[in-house]
All heavy atoms as atom14 arrays in JSON, in Angstrom:
{
  "sequence": "EPAKFQQGSGRAELARQITDPANPLTARVMVNRVWDLLFGKP",
  "atom14_mask": [
    [1, 1, 1, 1, 1, 1, 1, 1, 1, 0, 0, 0, 0, 0],
    [1, 1, 1, 1, 1, 1, 1, 0, 0, 0, 0, 0, 0, 0],
    [1, 1, 1, 1, 1, 0, 0, 0, 0, 0, 0, 0, 0, 0],
    [1, 1, 1, 1, 1, 1, 1, 1, 1, 0, 0, 0, 0, 0],
    [1, 1, 1, 1, 1, 1, 1, 1, 1, 1, 1, 0, 0, 0],
    [1, 1, 1, 1, 1, 1, 1, 1, 1, 0, 0, 0, 0, 0],
    [1, 1, 1, 1, 1, 1, 1, 1, 1, 0, 0, 0, 0, 0],
    [1, 1, 1, 1, 0, 0, 0, 0, 0, 0, 0, 0, 0, 0],
    [1, 1, 1, 1, 1, 1, 0, 0, 0, 0, 0, 0, 0, 0],
    [1, 1, 1, 1, 0, 0, 0, 0, 0, 0, 0, 0, 0, 0],
    [1, 1, 1, 1, 1, 1, 1, 1, 1, 1, 1, 0, 0, 0],
    [1, 1, 1, 1, 1, 0, 0, 0, 0, 0, 0, 0, 0, 0],
    [1, 1, 1, 1, 1, 1, 1, 1, 1, 0, 0, 0, 0, 0],
    [1, 1, 1, 1, 1, 1, 1, 1, 0, 0, 0, 0, 0, 0],
    [1, 1, 1, 1, 1, 0, 0, 0, 0, 0, 0, 0, 0, 0],
    [1, 1, 1, 1, 1, 1, 1, 1, 1, 1, 1, 0, 0, 0],
    [1, 1, 1, 1, 1, 1, 1, 1, 1, 0, 0, 0, 0, 0],
    [1, 1, 1, 1, 1, 1, 1, 1, 0, 0, 0, 0, 0, 0],
    [1, 1, 1, 1, 1, 1, 1, 0, 0, 0, 0, 0, 0, 0],
    [1, 1, 1, 1, 1, 1, 1, 1, 0, 0, 0, 0, 0, 0],
    [1, 1, 1, 1, 1, 1, 1, 0, 0, 0, 0, 0, 0, 0],
    [1, 1, 1, 1, 1, 0, 0, 0, 0, 0, 0, 0, 0, 0],
    [1, 1, 1, 1, 1, 1, 1, 1, 0, 0, 0, 0, 0, 0],
    [1, 1, 1, 1, 1, 1, 1, 0, 0, 0, 0, 0, 0, 0],
    [1, 1, 1, 1, 1, 1, 1, 1, 0, 0, 0, 0, 0, 0],
    [1, 1, 1, 1, 1, 1, 1, 0, 0, 0, 0, 0, 0, 0],
    [1, 1, 1, 1, 1, 0, 0, 0, 0, 0, 0, 0, 0, 0],
    [1, 1, 1, 1, 1, 1, 1, 1, 1, 1, 1, 0, 0, 0],
    [1, 1, 1, 1, 1, 1, 1, 0, 0, 0, 0, 0, 0, 0],
    [1, 1, 1, 1, 1, 1, 1, 1, 0, 0, 0, 0, 0, 0],
    [1, 1, 1, 1, 1, 1, 1, 0, 0, 0, 0, 0, 0, 0],
    [1, 1, 1, 1, 1, 1, 1, 1, 0, 0, 0, 0, 0, 0],
    [1, 1, 1, 1, 1, 1, 1, 1, 1, 1, 1, 0, 0, 0],
    [1, 1, 1, 1, 1, 1, 1, 0, 0, 0, 0, 0, 0, 0],
    [1, 1, 1, 1, 1, 1, 1, 1, 1, 1, 1, 1, 1, 1],
    [1, 1, 1, 1, 1, 1, 1, 1, 0, 0, 0, 0, 0, 0],
    [1, 1, 1, 1, 1, 1, 1, 1, 0, 0, 0, 0, 0, 0],
    [1, 1, 1, 1, 1, 1, 1, 1, 0, 0, 0, 0, 0, 0],
    [1, 1, 1, 1, 1, 1, 1, 1, 1, 1, 1, 0, 0, 0],
    [1, 1, 1, 1, 0, 0, 0, 0, 0, 0, 0, 0, 0, 0],
    [1, 1, 1, 1, 1, 1, 1, 1, 1, 0, 0, 0, 0, 0],
    [1, 1, 1, 1, 1, 1, 1, 0, 0, 0, 0, 0, 0, 0]
  ],
  "atom14_positions": [
    [[66.17, 33.0, -17.67], [66.38, 31.63, -17.2], [65.66, 31.45, -15.87], [65.72, 32.33, -15.01], [67.87, 31.34, -17.05], [68.58, 31.04, -18.36], [68.02, 29.79, -19.04], [67.96, 28.73, -18.38], [67.64, 29.88, -20.22], [0.0, 0.0, 0.0], [0.0, 0.0, 0.0], [0.0, 0.0, 0.0], [0.0, 0.0, 0.0], [0.0, 0.0, 0.0]],
    [[64.97, 30.35, -15.66], [64.25, 30.15, -14.41], [65.19, 30.06, -13.22], [66.32, 29.56, -13.34], [63.51, 28.83, -14.63], [64.25, 28.14, -15.73], [64.79, 29.22, -16.6], [0.0, 0.0, 0.0], [0.0, 0.0, 0.0], [0.0, 0.0, 0.0], [0.0, 0.0, 0.0], [0.0, 0.0, 0.0], [0.0, 0.0, 0.0], [0.0, 0.0, 0.0]],
    [[64.74, 30.58, -12.08], [65.55, 30.55, -10.86], [65.81, 29.12, -10.44], [64.93, 28.26, -10.51], [64.82, 31.29, -9.75], [0.0, 0.0, 0.0], [0.0, 0.0, 0.0], [0.0, 0.0, 0.0], [0.0, 0.0, 0.0], [0.0, 0.0, 0.0], [0.0, 0.0, 0.0], [0.0, 0.0, 0.0], [0.0, 0.0, 0.0], [0.0, 0.0, 0.0]],
    [[67.06, 28.87, -10.03], [67.43, 27.55, -9.49], [67.31, 27.6, -7.97], [67.69, 28.59, -7.34], [68.85, 27.18, -9.92], [69.0, 26.95, -11.41], [70.43, 26.53, -11.76], [70.56, 26.14, -13.22], [70.23, 27.23, -14.15], [0.0, 0.0, 0.0], [0.0, 0.0, 0.0], [0.0, 0.0, 0.0], [0.0, 0.0, 0.0], [0.0, 0.0, 0.0]],
    [[66.77, 26.53, -7.39], [66.57, 26.46, -5.94], [67.8, 25.81, -5.3], [68.18, 24.7, -5.67], [65.32, 25.66, -5.6], [64.05, 26.21, -6.18], [62.94, 25.4, -6.38], [63.94, 27.56, -6.53], [61.76, 25.9, -6.9], [62.77, 28.08, -7.06], [61.67, 27.24, -7.25], [0.0, 0.0, 0.0], [0.0, 0.0, 0.0], [0.0, 0.0, 0.0]],
    [[68.39, 26.51, -4.36], [69.64, 26.02, -3.78], [69.62, 25.98, -2.26], [70.61, 25.6, -1.63], [70.81, 26.9, -4.26], [70.96, 26.87, -5.78], [72.04, 27.83, -6.28], [72.31, 28.84, -5.65], [72.63, 27.51, -7.43], [0.0, 0.0, 0.0], [0.0, 0.0, 0.0], [0.0, 0.0, 0.0], [0.0, 0.0, 0.0], [0.0, 0.0, 0.0]],
    [[68.48, 26.38, -1.65], [68.38, 26.39, -0.19], [67.65, 25.15, 0.27], [66.41, 25.08, 0.24], [67.65, 27.65, 0.28], [68.33, 28.94, -0.14], [67.46, 30.16, 0.13], [66.47, 30.1, 0.83], [67.83, 31.28, -0.47], [0.0, 0.0, 0.0], [0.0, 0.0, 0.0], [0.0, 0.0, 0.0], [0.0, 0.0, 0.0], [0.0, 0.0, 0.0]],
    [[68.42, 24.14, 0.68], [67.81, 22.89, 1.1], [67.01, 22.26, -0.02], [67.43, 22.26, -1.18], [0.0, 0.0, 0.0], [0.0, 0.0, 0.0], [0.0, 0.0, 0.0], [0.0, 0.0, 0.0], [0.0, 0.0, 0.0], [0.0, 0.0, 0.0], [0.0, 0.0, 0.0], [0.0, 0.0, 0.0], [0.0, 0.0, 0.0], [0.0, 0.0, 0.0]],
    [[65.83, 21.76, 0.3], [64.99, 21.13, -0.72], [64.55, 22.11, -1.79], [64.26, 21.73, -2.92], [63.76, 20.52, -0.05], [62.96, 21.55, 0.52], [0.0, 0.0, 0.0], [0.0, 0.0, 0.0], [0.0, 0.0, 0.0], [0.0, 0.0, 0.0], [0.0, 0.0, 0.0], [0.0, 0.0, 0.0], [0.0, 0.0, 0.0], [0.0, 0.0, 0.0]],
    [[64.46, 23.39, -1.4], [63.93, 24.4, -2.31], [62.48, 24.74, -2.01], [61.86, 25.55, -2.73], [0.0, 0.0, 0.0], [0.0, 0.0, 0.0], [0.0, 0.0, 0.0], [0.0, 0.0, 0.0], [0.0, 0.0, 0.0], [0.0, 0.0, 0.0], [0.0, 0.0, 0.0], [0.0, 0.0, 0.0], [0.0, 0.0, 0.0], [0.0, 0.0, 0.0]],
    [[61.91, 24.16, -0.94], [60.51, 24.44, -0.62], [60.26, 25.92, -0.37], [59.26, 26.49, -0.83], [60.08, 23.63, 0.61], [59.71, 22.2, 0.32], [59.14, 21.54, 1.57], [60.13, 21.33, 2.6], [60.01, 21.7, 3.88], [58.92, 22.35, 4.26], [60.97, 21.45, 4.75], [0.0, 0.0, 0.0], [0.0, 0.0, 0.0], [0.0, 0.0, 0.0]],
    [[61.15, 26.55, 0.38], [60.96, 27.96, 0.69], [61.06, 28.81, -0.57], [60.28, 29.76, -0.78], [61.97, 28.43, 1.73], [0.0, 0.0, 0.0], [0.0, 0.0, 0.0], [0.0, 0.0, 0.0], [0.0, 0.0, 0.0], [0.0, 0.0, 0.0], [0.0, 0.0, 0.0], [0.0, 0.0, 0.0], [0.0, 0.0, 0.0], [0.0, 0.0, 0.0]],
    [[62.0, 28.49, -1.43], [62.15, 29.24, -2.67], [60.96, 29.02, -3.59], [60.48, 29.95, -4.25], [63.46, 28.82, -3.37], [64.7, 29.22, -2.59], [65.92, 28.39, -2.98], [65.95, 27.19, -2.61], [66.81, 28.93, -3.65], [0.0, 0.0, 0.0], [0.0, 0.0, 0.0], [0.0, 0.0, 0.0], [0.0, 0.0, 0.0], [0.0, 0.0, 0.0]],
    [[60.44, 27.79, -3.62], [59.25, 27.5, -4.41], [58.06, 28.32, -3.89], [57.32, 28.93, -4.67], [58.92, 26.01, -4.34], [57.61, 25.57, -5.0], [57.62, 25.87, -6.5], [57.35, 24.08, -4.75], [0.0, 0.0, 0.0], [0.0, 0.0, 0.0], [0.0, 0.0, 0.0], [0.0, 0.0, 0.0], [0.0, 0.0, 0.0], [0.0, 0.0, 0.0]],
    [[57.9, 28.35, -2.57], [56.8, 29.11, -1.97], [56.9, 30.59, -2.33], [55.89, 31.23, -2.65], [56.81, 28.93, -0.45], [0.0, 0.0, 0.0], [0.0, 0.0, 0.0], [0.0, 0.0, 0.0], [0.0, 0.0, 0.0], [0.0, 0.0, 0.0], [0.0, 0.0, 0.0], [0.0, 0.0, 0.0], [0.0, 0.0, 0.0], [0.0, 0.0, 0.0]],
    [[58.11, 31.14, -2.3], [58.27, 32.57, -2.6], [58.05, 32.86, -4.08], [57.59, 33.95, -4.44], [59.66, 33.02, -2.14], [59.8, 33.04, -0.61], [61.07, 33.75, -0.18], [61.17, 33.83, 1.27], [62.0, 33.09, 2.02], [62.81, 32.2, 1.44], [62.03, 33.22, 3.32], [0.0, 0.0, 0.0], [0.0, 0.0, 0.0], [0.0, 0.0, 0.0]],
    [[58.39, 31.94, -4.95], [58.1, 32.14, -6.36], [56.59, 32.13, -6.6], [56.06, 32.92, -7.39], [58.76, 31.04, -7.2], [60.28, 31.15, -7.29], [60.74, 32.31, -8.15], [59.97, 32.89, -8.9], [62.01, 32.67, -8.04], [0.0, 0.0, 0.0], [0.0, 0.0, 0.0], [0.0, 0.0, 0.0], [0.0, 0.0, 0.0], [0.0, 0.0, 0.0]],
    [[55.9, 31.24, -5.9], [54.45, 31.16, -6.05], [53.78, 32.45, -5.58], [52.83, 32.94, -6.19], [53.89, 29.94, -5.29], [54.32, 28.65, -5.98], [52.36, 30.0, -5.17], [53.97, 27.38, -5.22], [0.0, 0.0, 0.0], [0.0, 0.0, 0.0], [0.0, 0.0, 0.0], [0.0, 0.0, 0.0], [0.0, 0.0, 0.0], [0.0, 0.0, 0.0]],
    [[54.27, 33.02, -4.48], [53.65, 34.21, -3.9], [54.26, 35.52, -4.37], [53.83, 36.59, -3.94], [53.74, 34.15, -2.36], [55.13, 34.08, -1.96], [53.0, 32.95, -1.81], [0.0, 0.0, 0.0], [0.0, 0.0, 0.0], [0.0, 0.0, 0.0], [0.0, 0.0, 0.0], [0.0, 0.0, 0.0], [0.0, 0.0, 0.0], [0.0, 0.0, 0.0]],
    [[55.21, 35.45, -5.26], [55.81, 36.68, -5.81], [54.73, 37.47, -6.54], [54.05, 36.93, -7.41], [56.93, 36.31, -6.78], [57.75, 37.51, -7.23], [57.18, 38.63, -7.31], [58.95, 37.35, -7.52], [0.0, 0.0, 0.0], [0.0, 0.0, 0.0], [0.0, 0.0, 0.0], [0.0, 0.0, 0.0], [0.0, 0.0, 0.0], [0.0, 0.0, 0.0]],
    [[54.54, 38.76, -6.2], [53.53, 39.56, -6.91], [53.71, 39.59, -8.42], [52.75, 39.86, -9.15], [53.7, 40.95, -6.3], [54.27, 40.7, -4.94], [55.19, 39.51, -5.12], [0.0, 0.0, 0.0], [0.0, 0.0, 0.0], [0.0, 0.0, 0.0], [0.0, 0.0, 0.0], [0.0, 0.0, 0.0], [0.0, 0.0, 0.0], [0.0, 0.0, 0.0]],
    [[54.93, 39.31, -8.88], [55.17, 39.28, -10.32], [54.62, 38.01, -10.97], [54.5, 37.94, -12.2], [56.67, 39.4, -10.61], [0.0, 0.0, 0.0], [0.0, 0.0, 0.0], [0.0, 0.0, 0.0], [0.0, 0.0, 0.0], [0.0, 0.0, 0.0], [0.0, 0.0, 0.0], [0.0, 0.0, 0.0], [0.0, 0.0, 0.0], [0.0, 0.0, 0.0]],
    [[54.29, 37.02, -10.17], [53.69, 35.79, -10.7], [52.26, 36.11, -11.14], [51.43, 36.52, -10.34], [53.7, 34.72, -9.6], [53.06, 33.41, -10.03], [52.44, 33.32, -11.09], [53.21, 32.41, -9.2], [0.0, 0.0, 0.0], [0.0, 0.0, 0.0], [0.0, 0.0, 0.0], [0.0, 0.0, 0.0], [0.0, 0.0, 0.0], [0.0, 0.0, 0.0]],
    [[51.94, 35.92, -12.41], [50.62, 36.35, -12.91], [49.47, 35.43, -12.52], [48.31, 35.75, -12.79], [50.82, 36.34, -14.43], [51.85, 35.28, -14.66], [52.79, 35.37, -13.49], [0.0, 0.0, 0.0], [0.0, 0.0, 0.0], [0.0, 0.0, 0.0], [0.0, 0.0, 0.0], [0.0, 0.0, 0.0], [0.0, 0.0, 0.0], [0.0, 0.0, 0.0]],
    [[49.76, 34.29, -11.91], [48.73, 33.28, -11.71], [48.11, 33.26, -10.31], [46.89, 33.14, -10.16], [49.29, 31.89, -12.02], [49.6, 31.61, -13.5], [50.39, 30.32, -13.65], [48.32, 31.53, -14.29], [0.0, 0.0, 0.0], [0.0, 0.0, 0.0], [0.0, 0.0, 0.0], [0.0, 0.0, 0.0], [0.0, 0.0, 0.0], [0.0, 0.0, 0.0]],
    [[48.94, 33.33, -9.27], [48.48, 33.0, -7.91], [47.29, 33.83, -7.47], [46.29, 33.3, -6.99], [49.64, 33.15, -6.92], [50.74, 32.33, -7.37], [49.23, 32.71, -5.53], [0.0, 0.0, 0.0], [0.0, 0.0, 0.0], [0.0, 0.0, 0.0], [0.0, 0.0, 0.0], [0.0, 0.0, 0.0], [0.0, 0.0, 0.0], [0.0, 0.0, 0.0]],
    [[47.37, 35.14, -7.59], [46.27, 35.99, -7.15], [45.03, 35.76, -8.0], [43.91, 35.69, -7.48], [46.68, 37.46, -7.2], [0.0, 0.0, 0.0], [0.0, 0.0, 0.0], [0.0, 0.0, 0.0], [0.0, 0.0, 0.0], [0.0, 0.0, 0.0], [0.0, 0.0, 0.0], [0.0, 0.0, 0.0], [0.0, 0.0, 0.0], [0.0, 0.0, 0.0]],
    [[45.21, 35.64, -9.31], [44.07, 35.4, -10.2], [43.33, 34.1, -9.81], [42.11, 34.05, -9.77], [44.55, 35.27, -11.65], [44.71, 36.57, -12.41], [44.88, 36.23, -13.87], [45.1, 37.4, -14.72], [46.19, 37.6, -15.46], [47.18, 36.72, -15.43], [46.3, 38.66, -16.23], [0.0, 0.0, 0.0], [0.0, 0.0, 0.0], [0.0, 0.0, 0.0]],
    [[44.11, 33.06, -9.56], [43.51, 31.75, -9.26], [42.67, 31.83, -7.98], [41.54, 31.33, -7.94], [44.61, 30.68, -9.13], [44.05, 29.39, -8.53], [45.23, 30.39, -10.5], [0.0, 0.0, 0.0], [0.0, 0.0, 0.0], [0.0, 0.0, 0.0], [0.0, 0.0, 0.0], [0.0, 0.0, 0.0], [0.0, 0.0, 0.0], [0.0, 0.0, 0.0]],
    [[43.2, 32.49, -6.95], [42.45, 32.53, -5.69], [41.25, 33.47, -5.78], [40.17, 33.15, -5.26], [43.36, 32.96, -4.54], [42.72, 32.77, -3.17], [42.19, 31.04, -2.93], [41.4, 31.14, -1.32], [0.0, 0.0, 0.0], [0.0, 0.0, 0.0], [0.0, 0.0, 0.0], [0.0, 0.0, 0.0], [0.0, 0.0, 0.0], [0.0, 0.0, 0.0]],
    [[41.4, 34.59, -6.43], [40.25, 35.5, -6.62], [39.14, 34.77, -7.38], [37.95, 34.9, -7.04], [40.69, 36.76, -7.39], [39.48, 37.51, -7.94], [41.51, 37.68, -6.48], [0.0, 0.0, 0.0], [0.0, 0.0, 0.0], [0.0, 0.0, 0.0], [0.0, 0.0, 0.0], [0.0, 0.0, 0.0], [0.0, 0.0, 0.0], [0.0, 0.0, 0.0]],
    [[39.51, 33.99, -8.37], [38.52, 33.24, -9.14], [37.79, 32.21, -8.27], [36.59, 32.0, -8.41], [39.22, 32.55, -10.31], [38.25, 31.96, -11.32], [37.36, 32.65, -11.82], [38.43, 30.68, -11.63], [0.0, 0.0, 0.0], [0.0, 0.0, 0.0], [0.0, 0.0, 0.0], [0.0, 0.0, 0.0], [0.0, 0.0, 0.0], [0.0, 0.0, 0.0]],
    [[38.51, 31.59, -7.35], [37.88, 30.61, -6.45], [36.91, 31.32, -5.5], [35.82, 30.79, -5.22], [38.94, 29.87, -5.65], [39.89, 29.0, -6.47], [40.68, 28.04, -5.57], [41.83, 27.48, -6.24], [41.8, 26.48, -7.12], [40.63, 25.96, -7.46], [42.9, 26.0, -7.67], [0.0, 0.0, 0.0], [0.0, 0.0, 0.0], [0.0, 0.0, 0.0]],
    [[37.29, 32.46, -4.99], [36.41, 33.2, -4.08], [35.16, 33.67, -4.83], [34.04, 33.61, -4.3], [37.16, 34.39, -3.46], [36.21, 35.29, -2.68], [38.27, 33.87, -2.53], [0.0, 0.0, 0.0], [0.0, 0.0, 0.0], [0.0, 0.0, 0.0], [0.0, 0.0, 0.0], [0.0, 0.0, 0.0], [0.0, 0.0, 0.0], [0.0, 0.0, 0.0]],
    [[35.33, 34.13, -6.06], [34.18, 34.55, -6.86], [33.22, 33.37, -7.04], [32.0, 33.5, -6.91], [34.64, 35.07, -8.22], [33.53, 35.67, -9.02], [32.63, 35.01, -9.8], [33.18, 37.06, -9.09], [31.74, 35.89, -10.37], [32.05, 37.16, -9.95], [33.71, 38.22, -8.54], [31.44, 38.38, -10.25], [33.1, 39.44, -8.83], [31.99, 39.51, -9.68]],
    [[33.75, 32.21, -7.33], [32.95, 31.0, -7.49], [32.16, 30.69, -6.22], [30.97, 30.36, -6.26], [33.87, 29.83, -7.84], [33.12, 28.55, -8.17], [31.93, 28.62, -8.53], [33.73, 27.48, -8.08], [0.0, 0.0, 0.0], [0.0, 0.0, 0.0], [0.0, 0.0, 0.0], [0.0, 0.0, 0.0], [0.0, 0.0, 0.0], [0.0, 0.0, 0.0]],
    [[32.82, 30.82, -5.06], [32.18, 30.55, -3.78], [30.98, 31.46, -3.55], [29.93, 31.01, -3.08], [33.2, 30.75, -2.66], [32.68, 30.71, -1.22], [32.22, 29.31, -0.87], [33.75, 31.18, -0.25], [0.0, 0.0, 0.0], [0.0, 0.0, 0.0], [0.0, 0.0, 0.0], [0.0, 0.0, 0.0], [0.0, 0.0, 0.0], [0.0, 0.0, 0.0]],
    [[31.11, 32.73, -3.9], [30.07, 33.71, -3.59], [29.01, 33.85, -4.68], [27.87, 34.25, -4.38], [30.71, 35.07, -3.31], [31.62, 35.13, -2.08], [32.26, 36.51, -1.96], [30.86, 34.79, -0.81], [0.0, 0.0, 0.0], [0.0, 0.0, 0.0], [0.0, 0.0, 0.0], [0.0, 0.0, 0.0], [0.0, 0.0, 0.0], [0.0, 0.0, 0.0]],
    [[29.35, 33.56, -5.92], [28.41, 33.77, -7.02], [27.94, 32.46, -7.67], [27.09, 32.48, -8.54], [29.01, 34.69, -8.08], [29.19, 36.1, -7.61], [30.38, 36.51, -7.02], [28.16, 37.02, -7.72], [30.54, 37.82, -6.56], [28.32, 38.33, -7.27], [29.51, 38.73, -6.68], [0.0, 0.0, 0.0], [0.0, 0.0, 0.0], [0.0, 0.0, 0.0]],
    [[28.52, 31.34, -7.23], [28.08, 30.05, -7.77], [28.56, 29.77, -9.17], [28.17, 28.77, -9.78], [0.0, 0.0, 0.0], [0.0, 0.0, 0.0], [0.0, 0.0, 0.0], [0.0, 0.0, 0.0], [0.0, 0.0, 0.0], [0.0, 0.0, 0.0], [0.0, 0.0, 0.0], [0.0, 0.0, 0.0], [0.0, 0.0, 0.0], [0.0, 0.0, 0.0]],
    [[29.44, 30.61, -9.67], [29.95, 30.45, -11.03], [31.24, 31.26, -11.14], [31.22, 32.47, -10.94], [28.92, 30.96, -12.04], [29.17, 30.57, -13.48], [27.98, 31.01, -14.33], [28.1, 30.52, -15.75], [26.93, 30.91, -16.57], [0.0, 0.0, 0.0], [0.0, 0.0, 0.0], [0.0, 0.0, 0.0], [0.0, 0.0, 0.0], [0.0, 0.0, 0.0]],
    [[32.38, 30.63, -11.41], [33.64, 31.37, -11.46], [33.74, 32.24, -12.69], [33.05, 32.03, -13.69], [34.71, 30.27, -11.47], [34.01, 29.09, -12.07], [32.57, 29.18, -11.66], [0.0, 0.0, 0.0], [0.0, 0.0, 0.0], [0.0, 0.0, 0.0], [0.0, 0.0, 0.0], [0.0, 0.0, 0.0], [0.0, 0.0, 0.0], [0.0, 0.0, 0.0]]
  ]
}
């Protein structure tokens, strides 16, 4: 079941879910952007 945010608005909990190393997307997305910057093609 997805985590429920209960600390204020939930912004901090949202940020930590995004940056959780178990999240399969965040690191991939940024590495892909950096590759695009340096090689002209992601």
